[in-house]
């Protein structure tokens, strides 16, 4: 999931991928998911931390609204603290405005 600058709304292109993720989680009830929101380095750290959490929550809310049980989801915001590339160009900053997830097997 990628986002526009200073936005937390899901883009239509993200919906298809989220629907695939929802189906996968529905078919694998032994898995929980952690969702991690990220931003680029533009802006204040406080705003980036808030925005990254909003992005993760946006993905979480979509999955919950589709029918995934809330207790199977945790979400976190990391602001700009974990870039996947430098933030020197708009293309690189766009890569850092993202949401990642980790599937976790239930105990």
PDB file of N, CA and C in Angstrom:
ATOM      1  N   UNK A   1       0.833  -1.160   0.000  1.00  0.00           N
ATOM      2  CA  UNK A   1       0.000   0.000   0.000  1.00  0.00           C
ATOM      3  C   UNK A   1       0.887   1.236   0.000  1.00  0.00           C
ATOM      4  N   UNK A   2       0.608   2.090  -0.935  1.00  0.00           N
ATOM      5  CA  UNK A   2       1.319   3.362  -1.011  1.00  0.00           C
ATOM      6  C   UNK A   2       0.314   4.499  -0.912  1.00  0.00           C
ATOM      7  N   UNK A   3       0.809   5.667  -0.485  1.00  0.00           N
ATOM      8  CA  UNK A   3      -0.062   6.799  -0.221  1.00  0.00           C
ATOM      9  C   UNK A   3       0.491   8.066  -0.843  1.00  0.00           C
ATOM     10  N   UNK A   4      -0.396   8.996  -1.128  1.00  0.00           N
ATOM     11  CA  UNK A   4       0.009  10.317  -1.580  1.00  0.00           C
ATOM     12  C   UNK A   4       0.574  11.089  -0.394  1.00  0.00           C
ATOM     13  N   UNK A   5       1.300  12.134  -0.714  1.00  0.00           N
ATOM     14  CA  UNK A   5       1.901  12.975   0.306  1.00  0.00           C
ATOM     15  C   UNK A   5       0.845  13.498   1.274  1.00  0.00           C
ATOM     16  N   UNK A   6       1.095  13.318   2.566  1.00  0.00           N
ATOM     17  CA  UNK A   6       0.258  13.820   3.665  1.00  0.00           C
ATOM     18  C   UNK A   6      -1.177  13.289   3.625  1.00  0.00           C
ATOM     19  N   UNK A   7      -1.372  12.094   3.090  1.00  0.00           N
ATOM     20  CA  UNK A   7      -2.703  11.485   2.992  1.00  0.00           C
ATOM     21  C   UNK A   7      -2.685  10.097   3.625  1.00  0.00           C
ATOM     22  N   UNK A   8      -3.864   9.701   4.152  1.00  0.00           N
ATOM     23  CA  UNK A   8      -4.015   8.365   4.730  1.00  0.00           C
ATOM     24  C   UNK A   8      -5.133   7.585   4.052  1.00  0.00           C
ATOM     25  N   UNK A   9      -5.766   8.177   3.028  1.00  0.00           N
ATOM     26  CA  UNK A   9      -6.864   7.502   2.348  1.00  0.00           C
ATOM     27  C   UNK A   9      -6.322   6.436   1.404  1.00  0.00           C
ATOM     28  N   UNK A  10      -7.009   5.303   1.400  1.00  0.00           N
ATOM     29  CA  UNK A  10      -6.629   4.228   0.486  1.00  0.00           C
ATOM     30  C   UNK A  10      -6.936   4.631  -0.947  1.00  0.00           C
ATOM     31  N   UNK A  11      -6.005   4.378  -1.825  1.00  0.00           N
ATOM     32  CA  UNK A  11      -6.234   4.618  -3.246  1.00  0.00           C
ATOM     33  C   UNK A  11      -6.905   3.388  -3.845  1.00  0.00           C
ATOM     34  N   UNK A  12      -7.658   3.588  -4.914  1.00  0.00           N
ATOM     35  CA  UNK A  12      -8.361   2.470  -5.546  1.00  0.00           C
ATOM     36  C   UNK A  12      -7.437   1.330  -5.916  1.00  0.00           C
ATOM     37  N   UNK A  13      -6.221   1.645  -6.311  1.00  0.00           N
ATOM     38  CA  UNK A  13      -5.266   0.608  -6.688  1.00  0.00           C
ATOM     39  C   UNK A  13      -4.932  -0.303  -5.499  1.00  0.00           C
ATOM     40  N   UNK A  14      -5.078   0.219  -4.290  1.00  0.00           N
ATOM     41  CA  UNK A  14      -4.784  -0.565  -3.084  1.00  0.00           C
ATOM     42  C   UNK A  14      -5.884  -1.569  -2.767  1.00  0.00           C
ATOM     43  N   UNK A  15      -7.102  -1.281  -3.189  1.00  0.00           N
ATOM     44  CA  UNK A  15      -8.256  -2.110  -2.825  1.00  0.00           C
ATOM     45  C   UNK A  15      -8.108  -3.533  -3.352  1.00  0.00           C
ATOM     46  N   UNK A  16      -7.661  -3.676  -4.583  1.00  0.00           N
ATOM     47  CA  UNK A  16      -7.505  -5.016  -5.162  1.00  0.00           C
ATOM     48  C   UNK A  16      -6.541  -5.858  -4.339  1.00  0.00           C
ATOM     49  N   UNK A  17      -5.435  -5.265  -3.930  1.00  0.00           N
ATOM     50  CA  UNK A  17      -4.450  -5.992  -3.120  1.00  0.00           C
ATOM     51  C   UNK A  17      -4.999  -6.303  -1.732  1.00  0.00           C
ATOM     52  N   UNK A  18      -5.716  -5.364  -1.150  1.00  0.00           N
ATOM     53  CA  UNK A  18      -6.307  -5.603   0.170  1.00  0.00           C
ATOM     54  C   UNK A  18      -7.371  -6.696   0.117  1.00  0.00           C
ATOM     55  N   UNK A  19      -8.118  -6.746  -0.968  1.00  0.00           N
ATOM     56  CA  UNK A  19      -9.114  -7.814  -1.119  1.00  0.00           C
ATOM     57  C   UNK A  19      -8.428  -9.182  -1.182  1.00  0.00           C
ATOM     58  N   UNK A  20      -7.288  -9.256  -1.852  1.00  0.00           N
ATOM     59  CA  UNK A  20      -6.526 -10.511  -1.907  1.00  0.00           C
ATOM     60  C   UNK A  20      -6.031 -10.883  -0.508  1.00  0.00           C
ATOM     61  N   UNK A  21      -5.542  -9.899   0.222  1.00  0.00           N
ATOM     62  CA  UNK A  21      -5.071 -10.133   1.586  1.00  0.00           C
ATOM     63  C   UNK A  21      -6.215 -10.605   2.470  1.00  0.00           C
ATOM     64  N   UNK A  22      -7.374  -9.975   2.344  1.00  0.00           N
ATOM     65  CA  UNK A  22      -8.538 -10.375   3.130  1.00  0.00           C
ATOM     66  C   UNK A  22      -8.900 -11.836   2.851  1.00  0.00           C
ATOM     67  N   UNK A  23      -8.945 -12.220   1.603  1.00  0.00           N
ATOM     68  CA  UNK A  23      -9.265 -13.607   1.245  1.00  0.00           C
ATOM     69  C   UNK A  23      -8.232 -14.558   1.838  1.00  0.00           C
ATOM     70  N   UNK A  24      -6.966 -14.190   1.743  1.00  0.00           N
ATOM     71  CA  UNK A  24      -5.906 -15.039   2.296  1.00  0.00           C
ATOM     72  C   UNK A  24      -6.087 -15.206   3.803  1.00  0.00           C
ATOM     73  N   UNK A  25      -6.356 -14.118   4.505  1.00  0.00           N
ATOM     74  CA  UNK A  25      -6.546 -14.199   5.959  1.00  0.00           C
ATOM     75  C   UNK A  25      -7.812 -14.970   6.316  1.00  0.00           C
ATOM     76  N   UNK A  26      -8.844 -14.835   5.518  1.00  0.00           N
ATOM     77  CA  UNK A  26     -10.084 -15.576   5.744  1.00  0.00           C
ATOM     78  C   UNK A  26      -9.856 -17.070   5.603  1.00  0.00           C
ATOM     79  N   UNK A  27      -9.016 -17.449   4.654  1.00  0.00           N
ATOM     80  CA  UNK A  27      -8.719 -18.857   4.408  1.00  0.00           C
ATOM     81  C   UNK A  27      -7.656 -19.416   5.347  1.00  0.00           C
ATOM     82  N   UNK A  28      -6.992 -18.562   6.095  1.00  0.00           N
ATOM     83  CA  UNK A  28      -5.934 -18.988   7.013  1.00  0.00           C
ATOM     84  C   UNK A  28      -6.223 -18.417   8.397  1.00  0.00           C
ATOM     85  N   UNK A  29      -7.193 -19.009   9.063  1.00  0.00           N
ATOM     86  CA  UNK A  29      -7.655 -18.487  10.353  1.00  0.00           C
ATOM     87  C   UNK A  29      -6.616 -18.639  11.461  1.00  0.00           C
ATOM     88  N   UNK A  30      -5.540 -19.356  11.181  1.00  0.00           N
ATOM     89  CA  UNK A  30      -4.472 -19.520  12.168  1.00  0.00           C
ATOM     90  C   UNK A  30      -3.468 -18.365  12.125  1.00  0.00           C
ATOM     91  N   UNK A  31      -3.746 -17.357  11.278  1.00  0.00           N
ATOM     92  CA  UNK A  31      -2.843 -16.221  11.152  1.00  0.00           C
ATOM     93  C   UNK A  31      -3.487 -14.935  11.656  1.00  0.00           C
ATOM     94  N   UNK A  32      -2.695 -14.136  12.345  1.00  0.00           N
ATOM     95  CA  UNK A  32      -3.039 -12.764  12.687  1.00  0.00           C
ATOM     96  C   UNK A  32      -2.173 -11.854  11.822  1.00  0.00           C
ATOM     97  N   UNK A  33      -2.449 -10.564  11.859  1.00  0.00           N
ATOM     98  CA  UNK A  33      -1.683  -9.634  11.044  1.00  0.00           C
ATOM     99  C   UNK A  33      -1.298  -8.410  11.861  1.00  0.00           C
ATOM    100  N   UNK A  34      -0.058  -7.950  11.650  1.00  0.00           N
ATOM    101  CA  UNK A  34       0.396  -6.669  12.170  1.00  0.00           C
ATOM    102  C   UNK A  34       0.604  -5.762  10.970  1.00  0.00           C
ATOM    103  N   UNK A  35       0.133  -4.538  11.079  1.00  0.00           N
ATOM    104  CA  UNK A  35       0.190  -3.584   9.985  1.00  0.00           C
ATOM    105  C   UNK A  35       1.045  -2.403  10.429  1.00  0.00           C
ATOM    106  N   UNK A  36       2.017  -2.030   9.590  1.00  0.00           N
ATOM    107  CA  UNK A  36       2.992  -0.998   9.932  1.00  0.00           C
ATOM    108  C   UNK A  36       2.901   0.172   8.951  1.00  0.00           C
ATOM    109  N   UNK A  37       2.576   1.360   9.460  1.00  0.00           N
ATOM    110  CA  UNK A  37       2.500   2.556   8.634  1.00  0.00           C
ATOM    111  C   UNK A  37       3.810   3.317   8.647  1.00  0.00           C
ATOM    112  N   UNK A  38       4.134   3.922   7.489  1.00  0.00           N
ATOM    113  CA  UNK A  38       5.385   4.669   7.322  1.00  0.00           C
ATOM    114  C   UNK A  38       5.137   5.949   6.525  1.00  0.00           C
ATOM    115  N   UNK A  39       6.028   6.921   6.693  1.00  0.00           N
ATOM    116  CA  UNK A  39       5.977   8.167   5.931  1.00  0.00           C
ATOM    117  C   UNK A  39       7.350   8.455   5.335  1.00  0.00           C
ATOM    118  N   UNK A  40       7.396   9.483   4.484  1.00  0.00           N
ATOM    119  CA  UNK A  40       8.694   9.983   4.050  1.00  0.00           C
ATOM    120  C   UNK A  40       9.206  10.947   5.120  1.00  0.00           C
ATOM    121  N   UNK A  41      10.306  11.637   4.853  1.00  0.00           N
ATOM    122  CA  UNK A  41      10.910  12.509   5.876  1.00  0.00           C
ATOM    123  C   UNK A  41      10.453  13.953   5.802  1.00  0.00           C
ATOM    124  N   UNK A  42       9.583  14.274   4.846  1.00  0.00           N
ATOM    125  CA  UNK A  42       9.110  15.647   4.724  1.00  0.00           C
ATOM    126  C   UNK A  42       8.117  15.934   5.864  1.00  0.00           C
ATOM    127  N   UNK A  43       8.269  17.093   6.488  1.00  0.00           N
ATOM    128  CA  UNK A  43       7.333  17.482   7.537  1.00  0.00           C
ATOM    129  C   UNK A  43       7.876  17.237   8.931  1.00  0.00           C
ATOM    130  N   UNK A  44       7.054  17.585   9.894  1.00  0.00           N
ATOM    131  CA  UNK A  44       7.433  17.453  11.304  1.00  0.00           C
ATOM    132  C   UNK A  44       7.310  16.007  11.763  1.00  0.00           C
ATOM    133  N   UNK A  45       8.182  15.608  12.639  1.00  0.00           N
ATOM    134  CA  UNK A  45       8.186  14.228  13.147  1.00  0.00           C
ATOM    135  C   UNK A  45       6.850  13.875  13.794  1.00  0.00           C
ATOM    136  N   UNK A  46       6.284  14.789  14.562  1.00  0.00           N
ATOM    137  CA  UNK A  46       5.002  14.514  15.229  1.00  0.00           C
ATOM    138  C   UNK A  46       3.915  14.218  14.204  1.00  0.00           C
ATOM    139  N   UNK A  47       3.825  15.028  13.157  1.00  0.00           N
ATOM    140  CA  UNK A  47       2.818  14.806  12.120  1.00  0.00           C
ATOM    141  C   UNK A  47       3.080  13.491  11.383  1.00  0.00           C
ATOM    142  N   UNK A  48       4.331  13.196  11.095  1.00  0.00           N
ATOM    143  CA  UNK A  48       4.657  11.946  10.408  1.00  0.00           C
ATOM    144  C   UNK A  48       4.286  10.734  11.253  1.00  0.00           C
ATOM    145  N   UNK A  49       4.488  10.825  12.556  1.00  0.00           N
ATOM    146  CA  UNK A  49       4.101   9.721  13.435  1.00  0.00           C
ATOM    147  C   UNK A  49       2.587   9.530  13.428  1.00  0.00           C
ATOM    148  N   UNK A  50       1.843  10.625  13.504  1.00  0.00           N
ATOM    149  CA  UNK A  50       0.378  10.552  13.450  1.00  0.00           C
ATOM    150  C   UNK A  50      -0.094   9.985  12.112  1.00  0.00           C
ATOM    151  N   UNK A  51       0.488  10.489  11.030  1.00  0.00           N
ATOM    152  CA  UNK A  51       0.091  10.069   9.687  1.00  0.00           C
ATOM    153  C   UNK A  51       0.383   8.592   9.457  1.00  0.00           C
ATOM    154  N   UNK A  52       1.514   8.127   9.926  1.00  0.00           N
ATOM    155  CA  UNK A  52       1.855   6.708   9.736  1.00  0.00           C
ATOM    156  C   UNK A  52       0.864   5.814  10.480  1.00  0.00           C
ATOM    157  N   UNK A  53       0.441   6.240  11.663  1.00  0.00           N
ATOM    158  CA  UNK A  53      -0.557   5.482  12.413  1.00  0.00           C
ATOM    159  C   UNK A  53      -1.909   5.523  11.691  1.00  0.00           C
ATOM    160  N   UNK A  54      -2.265   6.672  11.141  1.00  0.00           N
ATOM    161  CA  UNK A  54      -3.510   6.792  10.386  1.00  0.00           C
ATOM    162  C   UNK A  54      -3.501   5.876   9.159  1.00  0.00           C
ATOM    163  N   UNK A  55      -2.364   5.768   8.499  1.00  0.00           N
ATOM    164  CA  UNK A  55      -2.248   4.893   7.327  1.00  0.00           C
ATOM    165  C   UNK A  55      -2.434   3.435   7.715  1.00  0.00           C
ATOM    166  N   UNK A  56      -1.795   3.025   8.784  1.00  0.00           N
ATOM    167  CA  UNK A  56      -1.950   1.641   9.242  1.00  0.00           C
ATOM    168  C   UNK A  56      -3.393   1.381   9.660  1.00  0.00           C
ATOM    169  N   UNK A  57      -3.991   2.343  10.324  1.00  0.00           N
ATOM    170  CA  UNK A  57      -5.375   2.180  10.759  1.00  0.00           C
ATOM    171  C   UNK A  57      -6.321   2.147   9.563  1.00  0.00           C
ATOM    172  N   UNK A  58      -6.036   2.889   8.524  1.00  0.00           N
ATOM    173  CA  UNK A  58      -6.856   2.885   7.318  1.00  0.00           C
ATOM    174  C   UNK A  58      -6.906   1.485   6.708  1.00  0.00           C
ATOM    175  N   UNK A  59      -5.769   0.836   6.638  1.00  0.00           N
ATOM    176  CA  UNK A  59      -5.716  -0.539   6.120  1.00  0.00           C
ATOM    177  C   UNK A  59      -6.452  -1.479   7.073  1.00  0.00           C
ATOM    178  N   UNK A  60      -6.211  -1.331   8.356  1.00  0.00           N
ATOM    179  CA  UNK A  60      -6.879  -2.171   9.350  1.00  0.00           C
ATOM    180  C   UNK A  60      -8.392  -2.029   9.271  1.00  0.00           C
ATOM    181  N   UNK A  61      -8.855  -0.797   9.189  1.00  0.00           N
ATOM    182  CA  UNK A  61     -10.301  -0.537   9.117  1.00  0.00           C
ATOM    183  C   UNK A  61     -10.914  -1.176   7.881  1.00  0.00           C
ATOM    184  N   UNK A  62     -10.212  -1.112   6.767  1.00  0.00           N
ATOM    185  CA  UNK A  62     -10.730  -1.728   5.549  1.00  0.00           C
ATOM    186  C   UNK A  62     -10.928  -3.229   5.765  1.00  0.00           C
ATOM    187  N   UNK A  63      -9.920  -3.892   6.332  1.00  0.00           N
ATOM    188  CA  UNK A  63     -10.009  -5.339   6.557  1.00  0.00           C
ATOM    189  C   UNK A  63     -11.113  -5.679   7.561  1.00  0.00           C
ATOM    190  N   UNK A  64     -11.253  -4.876   8.591  1.00  0.00           N
ATOM    191  CA  UNK A  64     -12.303  -5.108   9.593  1.00  0.00           C
ATOM    192  C   UNK A  64     -13.682  -4.904   8.958  1.00  0.00           C
ATOM    193  N   UNK A  65     -13.827  -3.860   8.166  1.00  0.00           N
ATOM    194  CA  UNK A  65     -15.107  -3.604   7.501  1.00  0.00           C
ATOM    195  C   UNK A  65     -15.470  -4.709   6.513  1.00  0.00           C
ATOM    196  N   UNK A  66     -14.462  -5.377   5.962  1.00  0.00           N
ATOM    197  CA  UNK A  66     -14.716  -6.515   5.072  1.00  0.00           C
ATOM    198  C   UNK A  66     -15.179  -7.738   5.858  1.00  0.00           C
ATOM    199  N   UNK A  67     -14.857  -7.778   7.170  1.00  0.00           N
ATOM    200  CA  UNK A  67     -15.312  -8.889   7.992  1.00  0.00           C
ATOM    201  C   UNK A  67     -14.240  -9.582   8.816  1.00  0.00           C
ATOM    202  N   UNK A  68     -12.999  -9.112   8.734  1.00  0.00           N
ATOM    203  CA  UNK A  68     -11.943  -9.711   9.548  1.00  0.00           C
ATOM    204  C   UNK A  68     -12.140  -9.299  11.006  1.00  0.00           C
ATOM    205  N   UNK A  69     -12.010 -10.241  11.907  1.00  0.00           N
ATOM    206  CA  UNK A  69     -12.208  -9.954  13.335  1.00  0.00           C
ATOM    207  C   UNK A  69     -11.123  -9.005  13.842  1.00  0.00           C
ATOM    208  N   UNK A  70     -11.526  -7.950  14.539  1.00  0.00           N
ATOM    209  CA  UNK A  70     -10.563  -6.951  15.020  1.00  0.00           C
ATOM    210  C   UNK A  70      -9.450  -7.533  15.891  1.00  0.00           C
ATOM    211  N   UNK A  71      -9.749  -8.590  16.631  1.00  0.00           N
ATOM    212  CA  UNK A  71      -8.720  -9.167  17.509  1.00  0.00           C
ATOM    213  C   UNK A  71      -7.590  -9.847  16.730  1.00  0.00           C
ATOM    214  N   UNK A  72      -7.762  -9.993  15.441  1.00  0.00           N
ATOM    215  CA  UNK A  72      -6.708 -10.596  14.609  1.00  0.00           C
ATOM    216  C   UNK A  72      -5.746  -9.554  14.046  1.00  0.00           C
ATOM    217  N   UNK A  73      -6.003  -8.274  14.336  1.00  0.00           N
ATOM    218  CA  UNK A  73      -5.230  -7.187  13.735  1.00  0.00           C
ATOM    219  C   UNK A  73      -4.636  -6.282  14.809  1.00  0.00           C
ATOM    220  N   UNK A  74      -3.364  -5.920  14.606  1.00  0.00           N
ATOM    221  CA  UNK A  74      -2.719  -4.862  15.388  1.00  0.00           C
ATOM    222  C   UNK A  74      -2.095  -3.911  14.383  1.00  0.00           C
ATOM    223  N   UNK A  75      -2.090  -2.614  14.700  1.00  0.00           N
ATOM    224  CA  UNK A  75      -1.466  -1.667  13.791  1.00  0.00           C
ATOM    225  C   UNK A  75      -0.572  -0.714  14.553  1.00  0.00           C
ATOM    226  N   UNK A  76       0.466  -0.255  13.850  1.00  0.00           N
ATOM    227  CA  UNK A  76       1.512   0.584  14.436  1.00  0.00           C
ATOM    228  C   UNK A  76       1.926   1.654  13.431  1.00  0.00           C
ATOM    229  N   UNK A  77       2.387   2.774  13.922  1.00  0.00           N
ATOM    230  CA  UNK A  77       2.936   3.826  13.074  1.00  0.00           C
ATOM    231  C   UNK A  77       4.385   4.080  13.422  1.00  0.00           C
ATOM    232  N   UNK A  78       5.234   4.157  12.408  1.00  0.00           N
ATOM    233  CA  UNK A  78       6.663   4.366  12.618  1.00  0.00           C
ATOM    234  C   UNK A  78       7.169   5.701  12.086  1.00  0.00           C
ATOM    235  N   UNK A  79       6.255   6.544  11.586  1.00  0.00           N
ATOM    236  CA  UNK A  79       6.695   7.822  11.041  1.00  0.00           C
ATOM    237  C   UNK A  79       7.696   7.609   9.927  1.00  0.00           C
ATOM    238  N   UNK A  80       8.762   8.402   9.955  1.00  0.00           N
ATOM    239  CA  UNK A  80       9.804   8.285   8.922  1.00  0.00           C
ATOM    240  C   UNK A  80      11.029   7.530   9.423  1.00  0.00           C
ATOM    241  N   UNK A  81      10.890   6.798  10.529  1.00  0.00           N
ATOM    242  CA  UNK A  81      12.044   6.173  11.174  1.00  0.00           C
ATOM    243  C   UNK A  81      12.570   4.918  10.483  1.00  0.00           C
ATOM    244  N   UNK A  82      11.813   4.351   9.534  1.00  0.00           N
ATOM    245  CA  UNK A  82      12.236   3.103   8.895  1.00  0.00           C
ATOM    246  C   UNK A  82      12.069   3.199   7.369  1.00  0.00           C
ATOM    247  N   UNK A  83      12.840   4.083   6.732  1.00  0.00           N
ATOM    248  CA  UNK A  83      12.723   4.204   5.279  1.00  0.00           C
ATOM    249  C   UNK A  83      13.255   2.961   4.573  1.00  0.00           C
ATOM    250  N   UNK A  84      12.715   2.697   3.382  1.00  0.00           N
ATOM    251  CA  UNK A  84      13.246   1.587   2.582  1.00  0.00           C
ATOM    252  C   UNK A  84      14.226   2.084   1.531  1.00  0.00           C
ATOM    253  N   UNK A  85      14.300   3.405   1.379  1.00  0.00           N
ATOM    254  CA  UNK A  85      15.248   4.023   0.459  1.00  0.00           C
ATOM    255  C   UNK A  85      15.524   5.440   0.945  1.00  0.00           C
ATOM    256  N   UNK A  86      16.463   6.108   0.307  1.00  0.00           N
ATOM    257  CA  UNK A  86      16.754   7.500   0.667  1.00  0.00           C
ATOM    258  C   UNK A  86      15.541   8.360   0.334  1.00  0.00           C
ATOM    259  N   UNK A  87      15.501   9.556   0.846  1.00  0.00           N
ATOM    260  CA  UNK A  87      14.387  10.467   0.603  1.00  0.00           C
ATOM    261  C   UNK A  87      14.806  11.650  -0.274  1.00  0.00           C
ATOM    262  N   UNK A  88      15.732  11.417  -1.193  1.00  0.00           N
ATOM    263  CA  UNK A  88      16.315  12.483  -2.003  1.00  0.00           C
ATOM    264  C   UNK A  88      15.447  12.930  -3.175  1.00  0.00           C
ATOM    265  N   UNK A  89      14.611  12.049  -3.683  1.00  0.00           N
ATOM    266  CA  UNK A  89      13.774  12.390  -4.839  1.00  0.00           C
ATOM    267  C   UNK A  89      12.319  12.095  -4.514  1.00  0.00           C
ATOM    268  N   UNK A  90      11.414  12.661  -5.303  1.00  0.00           N
ATOM    269  CA  UNK A  90       9.988  12.397  -5.094  1.00  0.00           C
ATOM    270  C   UNK A  90       9.688  10.914  -5.272  1.00  0.00           C
ATOM    271  N   UNK A  91      10.325  10.276  -6.238  1.00  0.00           N
ATOM    272  CA  UNK A  91      10.093   8.845  -6.466  1.00  0.00           C
ATOM    273  C   UNK A  91      10.514   8.024  -5.248  1.00  0.00           C
ATOM    274  N   UNK A  92      11.639   8.375  -4.647  1.00  0.00           N
ATOM    275  CA  UNK A  92      12.091   7.655  -3.453  1.00  0.00           C
ATOM    276  C   UNK A  92      11.184   7.944  -2.261  1.00  0.00           C
ATOM    277  N   UNK A  93      10.781   9.196  -2.101  1.00  0.00           N
ATOM    278  CA  UNK A  93       9.876   9.531  -0.992  1.00  0.00           C
ATOM    279  C   UNK A  93       8.553   8.781  -1.131  1.00  0.00           C
ATOM    280  N   UNK A  94       8.071   8.633  -2.353  1.00  0.00           N
ATOM    281  CA  UNK A  94       6.822   7.896  -2.584  1.00  0.00           C
ATOM    282  C   UNK A  94       6.953   6.448  -2.121  1.00  0.00           C
ATOM    283  N   UNK A  95       8.110   5.853  -2.292  1.00  0.00           N
ATOM    284  CA  UNK A  95       8.333   4.472  -1.840  1.00  0.00           C
ATOM    285  C   UNK A  95       8.272   4.380  -0.315  1.00  0.00           C
ATOM    286  N   UNK A  96       8.668   5.439   0.353  1.00  0.00           N
ATOM    287  CA  UNK A  96       8.674   5.433   1.818  1.00  0.00           C
ATOM    288  C   UNK A  96       7.296   5.714   2.416  1.00  0.00           C
ATOM    289  N   UNK A  97       6.386   6.257   1.629  1.00  0.00           N
ATOM    290  CA  UNK A  97       4.999   6.482   2.083  1.00  0.00           C
ATOM    291  C   UNK A  97       4.225   5.196   1.830  1.00  0.00           C
ATOM    292  N   UNK A  98       4.236   4.316   2.806  1.00  0.00           N
ATOM    293  CA  UNK A  98       3.729   2.970   2.558  1.00  0.00           C
ATOM    294  C   UNK A  98       3.173   2.352   3.821  1.00  0.00           C
ATOM    295  N   UNK A  99       2.511   1.216   3.625  1.00  0.00           N
ATOM    296  CA  UNK A  99       2.096   0.351   4.717  1.00  0.00           C
ATOM    297  C   UNK A  99       2.620  -1.038   4.402  1.00  0.00           C
ATOM    298  N   UNK A 100       3.208  -1.646   5.387  1.00  0.00           N
ATOM    299  CA  UNK A 100       3.685  -3.020   5.278  1.00  0.00           C
ATOM    300  C   UNK A 100       2.915  -3.871   6.282  1.00  0.00           C
ATOM    301  N   UNK A 101       2.987  -5.165   6.108  1.00  0.00           N
ATOM    302  CA  UNK A 101       2.320  -6.032   7.075  1.00  0.00           C
ATOM    303  C   UNK A 101       3.152  -7.285   7.319  1.00  0.00           C
ATOM    304  N   UNK A 102       2.865  -7.899   8.448  1.00  0.00           N
ATOM    305  CA  UNK A 102       3.529  -9.135   8.845  1.00  0.00           C
ATOM    306  C   UNK A 102       2.458 -10.104   9.309  1.00  0.00           C
ATOM    307  N   UNK A 103       2.477 -11.300   8.750  1.00  0.00           N
ATOM    308  CA  UNK A 103       1.546 -12.344   9.173  1.00  0.00           C
ATOM    309  C   UNK A 103       2.164 -13.126  10.312  1.00  0.00           C
ATOM    310  N   UNK A 104       1.379 -13.369  11.335  1.00  0.00           N
ATOM    311  CA  UNK A 104       1.881 -14.013  12.555  1.00  0.00           C
ATOM    312  C   UNK A 104       0.992 -15.214  12.868  1.00  0.00           C
ATOM    313  N   UNK A 105       1.629 -16.361  13.014  1.00  0.00           N
ATOM    314  CA  UNK A 105       0.892 -17.574  13.342  1.00  0.00           C
ATOM    315  C   UNK A 105       0.410 -17.512  14.789  1.00  0.00           C
ATOM    316  N   UNK A 106      -0.866 -17.818  14.980  1.00  0.00           N
ATOM    317  CA  UNK A 106      -1.433 -17.843  16.332  1.00  0.00           C
ATOM    318  C   UNK A 106      -0.814 -18.971  17.138  1.00  0.00           C
ATOM    319  N   UNK A 107      -0.681 -18.729  18.434  1.00  0.00           N
ATOM    320  CA  UNK A 107      -0.142 -19.767  19.337  1.00  0.00           C
ATOM    321  C   UNK A 107      -1.180 -20.828  19.618  1.00  0.00           C
TER     322      UNK A 107
END
